[in-house]
């Protein structure tokens, strides 16, 4: 009667009755890989084919690595990030009694299980590592609770740091007849019997009703809060650029929707003007700063002086009449009728009785017997 009432309740008031799905073996017939393979009939895929009635390693129902290895690694790709509840492992037994006298117990000892979003186990979380079992106590099959989200389930064992604990085989082996990964087949669900919906802004790695990671732009226990204090992005750990009038950047992308302050450019206003430009939207061109140096990206001032022929903070004002050189600091010769603003050469001629590039040489005419003789220069 209770079940009937509950069914009616859920049909009438769907919002009060969360959807419940049973855990499924989401590893069945998925893509697999292992670090080595002994025979073609012992490939990595044998551990996810759903068959494990014959628990001998060489009968086509189990994955097996090569002999004499110091590390052994096997993994299954779930095809996407899924919520995982537990992992079931059936190890080879040779169809013999599973006790301290079974040779495969020593090969199973010391194994680990990882959940990762990449093929690298170090990028993920360690679900289980055997440090206490003996050949007499290690269970087979074994169920390992792993309440995490991930794409890859990785089995690992190693024999790289002797001496090993008592009972351990000297080499690392893969002898996996079946690896079932039970979890939620539908993305966005987690929890007991996949009954809980992930919070909207959570990457759905939820432990103790707390999101382990929020999507970009959000923070808080259940990822309801937008990034603030001029931050944005994943875990709100990026600082906004210099947006116009101090406006906060977009909390997800960091873009400045109303443009940048003077001297900055880019979607996030995090780049200083370059290519000898400055000002609002970097629309202004620098003047003739000394030695081709760029001007200040905000105000356009030349911080190291000007090239020859110009002066001023921005080095855009031409030297006035009678001045030349760097910052127009030099004075044209006193007998110049106008000098070049770059090098001081008297290009418009000299005053009477003076000659030379800088009108620095005096000239005079000698009159001899009522006729002009050659001109002599007094330098």
Protein backbone atom coordinates (compact mmCIF):
# COMPACT_ATOMS: atom_id res chain seq x y z
CA UNK A 1 0.00 0.00 0.00
CA UNK A 2 2.81 2.40 0.82
CA UNK A 3 4.45 1.88 -2.59
CA UNK A 4 1.13 2.58 -4.35
CA UNK A 5 0.57 5.78 -2.38
CA UNK A 6 4.10 6.95 -3.15
CA UNK A 7 3.62 6.30 -6.84
CA UNK A 8 0.42 8.30 -6.88
CA UNK A 9 2.12 11.09 -4.97
CA UNK A 10 4.91 11.26 -7.48
CA UNK A 11 2.55 11.33 -10.44
CA UNK A 12 0.58 14.22 -8.93
CA UNK A 13 3.32 16.26 -7.35
CA UNK A 14 6.42 15.48 -9.39
CA UNK A 15 8.43 18.28 -7.86
CA UNK A 16 8.17 16.72 -4.40
CA UNK A 17 9.45 13.32 -5.55
CA UNK A 18 13.03 13.33 -6.88
CA UNK A 19 13.84 11.00 -9.76
CA UNK A 20 15.56 7.82 -8.60
CA UNK A 21 17.81 5.76 -10.84
CA UNK A 22 19.63 2.60 -9.93
CA UNK A 23 23.39 2.55 -10.23
CA UNK A 24 24.55 1.02 -13.50
CA UNK A 25 27.81 -0.57 -14.61
CA UNK A 26 29.01 2.38 -16.66
CA UNK A 27 32.28 0.63 -17.57
CA UNK A 28 30.65 -2.22 -19.53
CA UNK A 29 32.26 -2.56 -22.99
CA UNK A 30 33.92 0.85 -22.74
CA UNK A 31 37.37 1.65 -24.18
CA UNK A 32 40.28 0.26 -22.14
CA UNK A 33 44.09 0.33 -22.03
CA UNK A 34 46.82 -1.51 -20.15
CA UNK A 35 50.57 -1.06 -19.83
CA UNK A 36 51.41 -4.45 -21.35
CA UNK A 37 49.57 -7.49 -22.70
CA UNK A 38 50.76 -11.10 -22.49
CA UNK A 39 48.53 -12.74 -25.12
CA UNK A 40 45.96 -11.45 -27.62
CA UNK A 41 43.24 -13.18 -25.60
CA UNK A 42 44.29 -11.25 -22.47
CA UNK A 43 43.76 -7.71 -23.78
CA UNK A 44 42.57 -4.88 -21.52
CA UNK A 45 39.02 -5.08 -22.93
CA UNK A 46 38.50 -8.53 -21.35
CA UNK A 47 38.02 -6.86 -17.96
CA UNK A 48 34.90 -4.95 -19.07
CA UNK A 49 33.15 -7.54 -21.24
CA UNK A 50 30.81 -8.68 -18.48
CA UNK A 51 32.17 -12.27 -18.53
CA UNK A 52 34.01 -13.79 -15.60
CA UNK A 53 32.75 -17.34 -15.16
CA UNK A 54 36.19 -18.85 -15.83
CA UNK A 55 38.72 -17.15 -13.54
CA UNK A 56 41.84 -18.56 -15.16
CA UNK A 57 43.99 -15.80 -16.66
CA UNK A 58 44.45 -17.48 -20.07
CA UNK A 59 40.90 -18.52 -20.96
CA UNK A 60 39.81 -15.34 -22.77
CA UNK A 61 37.76 -13.76 -19.99
CA UNK A 62 40.51 -11.87 -18.11
CA UNK A 63 42.99 -9.07 -18.85
CA UNK A 64 46.61 -10.03 -18.18
CA UNK A 65 49.90 -8.13 -18.41
CA UNK A 66 53.28 -9.51 -19.40
CA UNK A 67 55.57 -11.28 -16.96
CA UNK A 68 58.46 -9.68 -15.08
CA UNK A 69 57.08 -6.12 -14.93
CA UNK A 70 57.84 -3.67 -12.10
CA UNK A 71 54.67 -1.62 -12.73
CA UNK A 72 51.25 -2.62 -14.00
CA UNK A 73 48.54 -0.15 -14.99
CA UNK A 74 45.06 -0.67 -16.46
CA UNK A 75 42.32 1.87 -17.10
CA UNK A 76 38.84 2.22 -18.52
CA UNK A 77 37.46 5.33 -20.24
CA UNK A 78 33.85 5.93 -19.16
CA UNK A 79 33.28 8.11 -22.21
CA UNK A 80 32.77 11.28 -20.18
CA UNK A 81 32.86 12.57 -16.63
CA UNK A 82 30.42 10.46 -14.60
CA UNK A 83 29.44 10.20 -10.97
CA UNK A 84 30.94 7.00 -9.55
CA UNK A 85 29.60 5.26 -6.49
CA UNK A 86 31.73 2.13 -6.21
CA UNK A 87 34.14 -0.10 -8.14
CA UNK A 88 33.87 -3.89 -8.24
CA UNK A 89 37.04 -5.88 -9.02
CA UNK A 90 37.19 -9.63 -9.68
CA UNK A 91 40.81 -10.78 -9.71
CA UNK A 92 42.10 -14.04 -11.26
CA UNK A 93 41.84 -17.06 -8.98
CA UNK A 94 42.81 -19.86 -11.36
CA UNK A 95 39.47 -21.36 -10.32
CA UNK A 96 41.19 -22.39 -7.10
CA UNK A 97 40.32 -21.58 -3.50
CA UNK A 98 41.15 -17.98 -2.67
CA UNK A 99 43.39 -18.20 0.39
CA UNK A 100 47.02 -17.72 1.42
CA UNK A 101 48.02 -20.72 -0.70
CA UNK A 102 46.70 -19.21 -3.93
CA UNK A 103 49.65 -17.76 -5.87
CA UNK A 104 47.52 -14.85 -7.20
CA UNK A 105 46.92 -13.38 -3.75
CA UNK A 106 50.55 -12.20 -3.70
CA UNK A 107 50.09 -10.59 -7.11
CA UNK A 108 46.95 -8.69 -6.02
CA UNK A 109 48.48 -7.30 -2.82
CA UNK A 110 49.42 -3.60 -2.79
CA UNK A 111 47.05 -2.50 -5.59
CA UNK A 112 45.56 1.00 -5.94
CA UNK A 113 42.48 2.46 -7.63
CA UNK A 114 42.38 6.05 -8.92
CA UNK A 115 39.62 8.23 -10.41
CA UNK A 116 40.84 10.88 -12.85
CA UNK A 117 39.55 13.23 -15.54
CA UNK A 118 42.71 12.52 -17.57
CA UNK A 119 44.66 9.39 -18.44
CA UNK A 120 47.23 10.39 -15.82
CA UNK A 121 46.40 8.90 -12.42
CA UNK A 122 48.38 11.66 -10.70
CA UNK A 123 45.81 14.18 -11.96
CA UNK A 124 43.03 12.38 -10.12
CA UNK A 125 42.12 11.17 -6.67
CA UNK A 126 43.23 8.00 -4.92
CA UNK A 127 40.16 5.95 -4.02
CA UNK A 128 41.97 3.06 -2.43
CA UNK A 129 45.47 1.77 -1.77
CA UNK A 130 46.11 -1.59 -0.13
CA UNK A 131 48.61 -1.23 2.70
CA UNK A 132 47.20 -3.71 5.24
CA UNK A 133 45.99 -6.86 3.51
CA UNK A 134 47.91 -10.14 3.68
CA UNK A 135 47.64 -13.21 1.48
CA UNK A 136 45.21 -14.62 4.01
CA UNK A 137 42.99 -11.54 4.31
CA UNK A 138 42.81 -9.84 0.89
CA UNK A 139 39.23 -10.17 -0.43
CA UNK A 140 38.38 -11.27 -3.97
CA UNK A 141 36.14 -9.95 -5.41
CA UNK A 142 36.40 -6.56 -3.75
CA UNK A 143 34.02 -3.57 -3.68
CA UNK A 144 35.63 -0.14 -3.27
CA UNK A 145 33.51 2.91 -2.47
CA UNK A 146 34.57 5.89 -4.63
CA UNK A 147 32.02 8.75 -4.38
CA UNK A 148 33.69 10.96 -6.99
CA UNK A 149 33.20 12.29 -10.48
CA UNK A 150 35.68 11.28 -13.15
CA UNK A 151 36.18 9.90 -16.63
CA UNK A 152 38.90 7.29 -16.08
CA UNK A 153 39.09 4.51 -13.51
CA UNK A 154 42.68 3.35 -13.14
CA UNK A 155 43.99 0.15 -11.55
CA UNK A 156 47.68 0.29 -10.57
CA UNK A 157 50.24 -1.91 -8.87
CA UNK A 158 53.99 -1.69 -8.55
CA UNK A 159 57.06 -3.48 -7.30
CA UNK A 160 59.62 -0.69 -7.51
CA UNK A 161 60.92 -0.26 -3.96
CA UNK A 162 62.14 -3.49 -2.39
CA UNK A 163 62.13 -5.04 0.10
CA UNK A 164 58.40 -5.78 -0.17
CA UNK A 165 56.03 -6.74 2.65
CA UNK A 166 55.73 -10.40 3.45
CA UNK A 167 53.67 -12.33 0.91
CA UNK A 168 54.06 -9.84 -1.94
CA UNK A 169 55.06 -11.24 -5.33
CA UNK A 170 58.34 -9.84 -6.66
CA UNK A 171 56.66 -8.49 -9.83
CA UNK A 172 53.61 -6.36 -10.65
CA UNK A 173 50.74 -7.97 -12.51
CA UNK A 174 47.43 -7.19 -14.16
CA UNK A 175 45.19 -10.21 -13.68
CA UNK A 176 41.73 -8.66 -13.93
CA UNK A 177 38.78 -10.84 -14.87
CA UNK A 178 36.25 -8.03 -14.37
CA UNK A 179 36.19 -4.38 -13.37
CA UNK A 180 32.68 -2.97 -12.97
CA UNK A 181 32.23 0.71 -12.25
CA UNK A 182 28.83 1.47 -10.73
CA UNK A 183 27.55 5.00 -10.93
CA UNK A 184 25.02 7.38 -12.45
CA UNK A 185 24.58 7.00 -16.22
CA UNK A 186 22.82 10.37 -16.52
CA UNK A 187 25.07 13.46 -16.37
CA UNK A 188 24.15 15.99 -13.70
CA UNK A 189 23.06 13.47 -11.06
CA UNK A 190 24.81 12.15 -7.99
CA UNK A 191 24.19 10.72 -4.55
CA UNK A 192 22.36 7.67 -3.28
CA UNK A 193 20.68 5.94 -6.24
CA UNK A 194 21.47 9.02 -8.40
CA UNK A 195 18.56 10.84 -6.72
CA UNK A 196 20.23 14.27 -6.38
CA UNK A 197 20.62 16.92 -9.05
CA UNK A 198 23.94 18.73 -9.18
CA UNK A 199 23.75 22.45 -8.33
CA UNK A 200 23.52 24.59 -11.44
CA UNK A 201 27.01 26.09 -11.25
CA UNK A 202 28.79 23.06 -9.78
CA UNK A 203 31.03 20.73 -11.77
CA UNK A 204 29.14 18.04 -9.87
CA UNK A 205 31.97 16.74 -7.75
CA UNK A 206 29.88 16.86 -4.57
CA UNK A 207 30.98 15.51 -1.20
CA UNK A 208 28.98 16.09 1.98
CA UNK A 209 26.65 18.46 0.11
CA UNK A 210 29.55 20.72 -0.82
CA UNK A 211 30.79 21.30 -4.37
CA UNK A 212 34.45 20.43 -4.65
CA UNK A 213 34.73 22.66 -7.73
CA UNK A 214 32.48 25.40 -9.13
CA UNK A 215 32.24 26.29 -12.78
CA UNK A 216 34.09 29.37 -13.94
CA UNK A 217 32.78 32.58 -12.37
CA UNK A 218 31.16 31.11 -9.25
CA UNK A 219 32.13 30.28 -5.67
CA UNK A 220 30.67 29.16 -2.38
CA UNK A 221 29.62 25.86 -0.84
CA UNK A 222 27.06 25.13 -3.56
CA UNK A 223 28.44 27.57 -6.15
CA UNK A 224 25.56 30.04 -5.96
CA UNK A 225 27.75 33.14 -5.51
CA UNK A 226 29.25 35.07 -8.41
CA UNK A 227 32.91 36.09 -8.20
CA UNK A 228 33.31 39.53 -6.61
CA UNK A 229 36.11 41.90 -5.52
CA UNK A 230 37.08 42.32 -9.18
CA UNK A 231 37.87 38.64 -9.70
CA UNK A 232 36.70 36.14 -12.31
CA UNK A 233 37.18 32.65 -13.70
CA UNK A 234 37.70 29.22 -12.18
CA UNK A 235 37.71 29.43 -8.38
CA UNK A 236 37.60 33.26 -8.82
CA UNK A 237 41.39 33.23 -8.74
CA UNK A 238 41.96 35.67 -11.63
CA UNK A 239 42.03 39.44 -11.15
CA UNK A 240 40.08 41.73 -13.46
CA UNK A 241 42.00 44.00 -15.78
CA UNK A 242 41.65 47.77 -15.83
CA UNK A 243 38.12 48.25 -17.07
CA UNK A 244 36.80 51.71 -17.92
CA UNK A 245 35.67 53.83 -14.93
CA UNK A 246 36.50 51.00 -12.55
CA UNK A 247 33.56 48.85 -13.69
CA UNK A 248 33.76 45.20 -12.60
CA UNK A 249 34.71 42.74 -15.33
CA UNK A 250 32.52 39.82 -16.37
CA UNK A 251 32.70 37.28 -13.53
CA UNK A 252 33.03 34.34 -15.94
CA UNK A 253 35.24 35.55 -18.82
CA UNK A 254 36.95 38.60 -17.30
CA UNK A 255 35.99 40.77 -20.30
CA UNK A 256 35.43 44.50 -19.83
CA UNK A 257 32.10 45.24 -21.47
CA UNK A 258 32.50 49.05 -21.44
CA UNK A 259 36.08 49.20 -22.66
CA UNK A 260 39.37 49.98 -20.94
CA UNK A 261 40.96 52.87 -19.15
CA UNK A 262 43.52 54.91 -21.07
CA UNK A 263 46.68 52.98 -21.83
CA UNK A 264 45.17 49.47 -21.80
CA UNK A 265 43.60 47.25 -24.46
CA UNK A 266 42.28 43.72 -25.07
CA UNK A 267 38.99 42.03 -24.15
CA UNK A 268 40.12 41.90 -20.51
CA UNK A 269 41.98 45.24 -20.56
CA UNK A 270 45.06 43.47 -19.24
CA UNK A 271 47.52 44.57 -21.93
CA UNK A 272 49.38 47.88 -22.04
CA UNK A 273 49.39 49.86 -25.30
CA UNK A 274 52.25 48.81 -27.54
CA UNK A 275 53.59 49.60 -31.02
CA UNK A 276 54.30 53.15 -29.84
CA UNK A 277 50.70 54.02 -29.07
CA UNK A 278 48.99 55.37 -25.96
CA UNK A 279 45.78 56.72 -24.52
CA UNK A 280 42.15 55.63 -24.77
CA UNK A 281 41.85 52.48 -26.89
CA UNK A 282 45.54 53.06 -27.76
CA UNK A 283 44.41 55.39 -30.55
CA UNK A 284 47.17 57.99 -30.10
CA UNK A 285 50.65 57.66 -31.62
CA UNK A 286 53.77 58.40 -29.61
CA UNK A 287 55.95 61.36 -30.53
CA UNK A 288 59.66 61.26 -31.37
CA UNK A 289 61.00 59.89 -28.11
CA UNK A 290 64.77 59.57 -27.67
CA UNK A 291 66.38 56.57 -29.44
CA UNK A 292 63.03 55.31 -30.66
CA UNK A 293 61.86 54.44 -27.14
CA UNK A 294 58.08 54.00 -26.68
CA UNK A 295 56.21 56.69 -24.83
CA UNK A 296 54.27 56.10 -21.62
CA UNK A 297 51.23 53.96 -22.49
CA UNK A 298 48.79 56.17 -20.57
CA UNK A 299 49.76 59.83 -21.16
CA UNK A 300 52.18 59.58 -24.09
CA UNK A 301 55.04 61.29 -22.28
CA UNK A 302 58.59 60.44 -23.36
CA UNK A 303 60.36 59.31 -20.21
CA UNK A 304 63.90 59.49 -21.58
CA UNK A 305 63.79 62.72 -23.54
CA UNK A 306 63.28 63.54 -27.19
CA UNK A 307 65.01 62.94 -30.49
CA UNK A 308 66.79 65.84 -32.17
CA UNK A 309 64.53 68.58 -33.47
CA UNK A 310 61.58 68.27 -31.09
CA UNK A 311 60.81 69.00 -27.45
CA UNK A 312 58.03 68.86 -24.87
CA UNK A 313 56.68 66.07 -22.64
CA UNK A 314 55.38 64.16 -25.65
CA UNK A 315 58.23 65.23 -27.98
CA UNK A 316 55.87 66.47 -30.67
CA UNK A 317 56.67 70.21 -30.64
CA UNK A 318 59.14 71.34 -33.32
CA UNK A 319 62.14 73.36 -32.17
CA UNK A 320 61.50 77.12 -32.30
CA UNK A 321 63.57 79.37 -34.51
CA UNK A 322 67.12 79.60 -33.27
CA UNK A 323 67.14 76.23 -31.44
CA UNK A 324 68.09 72.69 -32.48
CA UNK A 325 69.21 69.25 -31.25
CA UNK A 326 67.97 66.94 -28.50
CA UNK A 327 65.12 68.63 -26.61
CA UNK A 328 66.02 71.76 -28.64
CA UNK A 329 68.70 72.45 -26.06
CA UNK A 330 71.25 73.83 -28.56
CA UNK A 331 71.32 77.41 -29.91
CA UNK A 332 71.92 78.13 -33.59
CA UNK A 333 75.10 80.01 -34.42
CA UNK A 334 74.85 83.81 -33.85
CA UNK A 335 75.51 84.55 -37.51
CA UNK A 336 72.94 82.05 -38.85
CA UNK A 337 69.93 83.28 -40.72
CA UNK A 338 68.14 80.08 -39.67
CA UNK A 339 69.60 76.65 -38.85
CA UNK A 340 68.44 73.07 -39.33
CA UNK A 341 66.51 71.99 -36.23
CA UNK A 342 68.17 68.59 -36.17
CA UNK A 343 71.87 69.34 -36.63
CA UNK A 344 72.26 73.14 -36.42
CA UNK A 345 73.57 73.59 -40.00
CA UNK A 346 72.83 77.10 -41.25
CA UNK A 347 70.76 76.02 -44.23
CA UNK A 348 69.22 79.47 -44.84
CA UNK A 349 72.51 81.33 -45.16
CA UNK A 350 74.75 83.47 -42.98
CA UNK A 351 74.87 87.10 -41.95
CA UNK A 352 77.10 89.38 -44.07
CA UNK A 353 80.83 88.72 -43.77
CA UNK A 354 80.23 85.18 -42.39
CA UNK A 355 80.39 81.77 -44.06
CA UNK A 356 80.74 78.03 -43.30
CA UNK A 357 78.22 75.30 -42.40
CA UNK A 358 77.56 76.95 -39.08
CA UNK A 359 78.44 80.52 -40.20
CA UNK A 360 81.43 80.26 -37.95
CA UNK A 361 84.00 81.71 -40.39
CA UNK A 362 84.37 85.41 -41.10
CA UNK A 363 85.07 86.65 -44.66
CA UNK A 364 86.46 90.01 -45.99
CA UNK A 365 87.47 91.54 -49.41
CA UNK A 366 90.85 93.19 -50.11
CA UNK A 367 90.75 96.17 -52.52
CA UNK A 368 94.05 96.59 -54.47
CA UNK A 369 94.58 99.47 -56.92
CA UNK A 370 90.86 100.15 -57.08
CA UNK A 371 89.93 96.54 -57.86
CA UNK A 372 88.65 93.74 -55.81
CA UNK A 373 91.02 90.96 -55.05
CA UNK A 374 90.14 87.47 -53.84
CA UNK A 375 88.20 86.98 -50.67
CA UNK A 376 90.14 85.94 -47.61
CA UNK A 377 88.63 84.05 -44.72
CA UNK A 378 89.32 84.54 -41.08
CA UNK A 379 88.39 81.32 -39.32
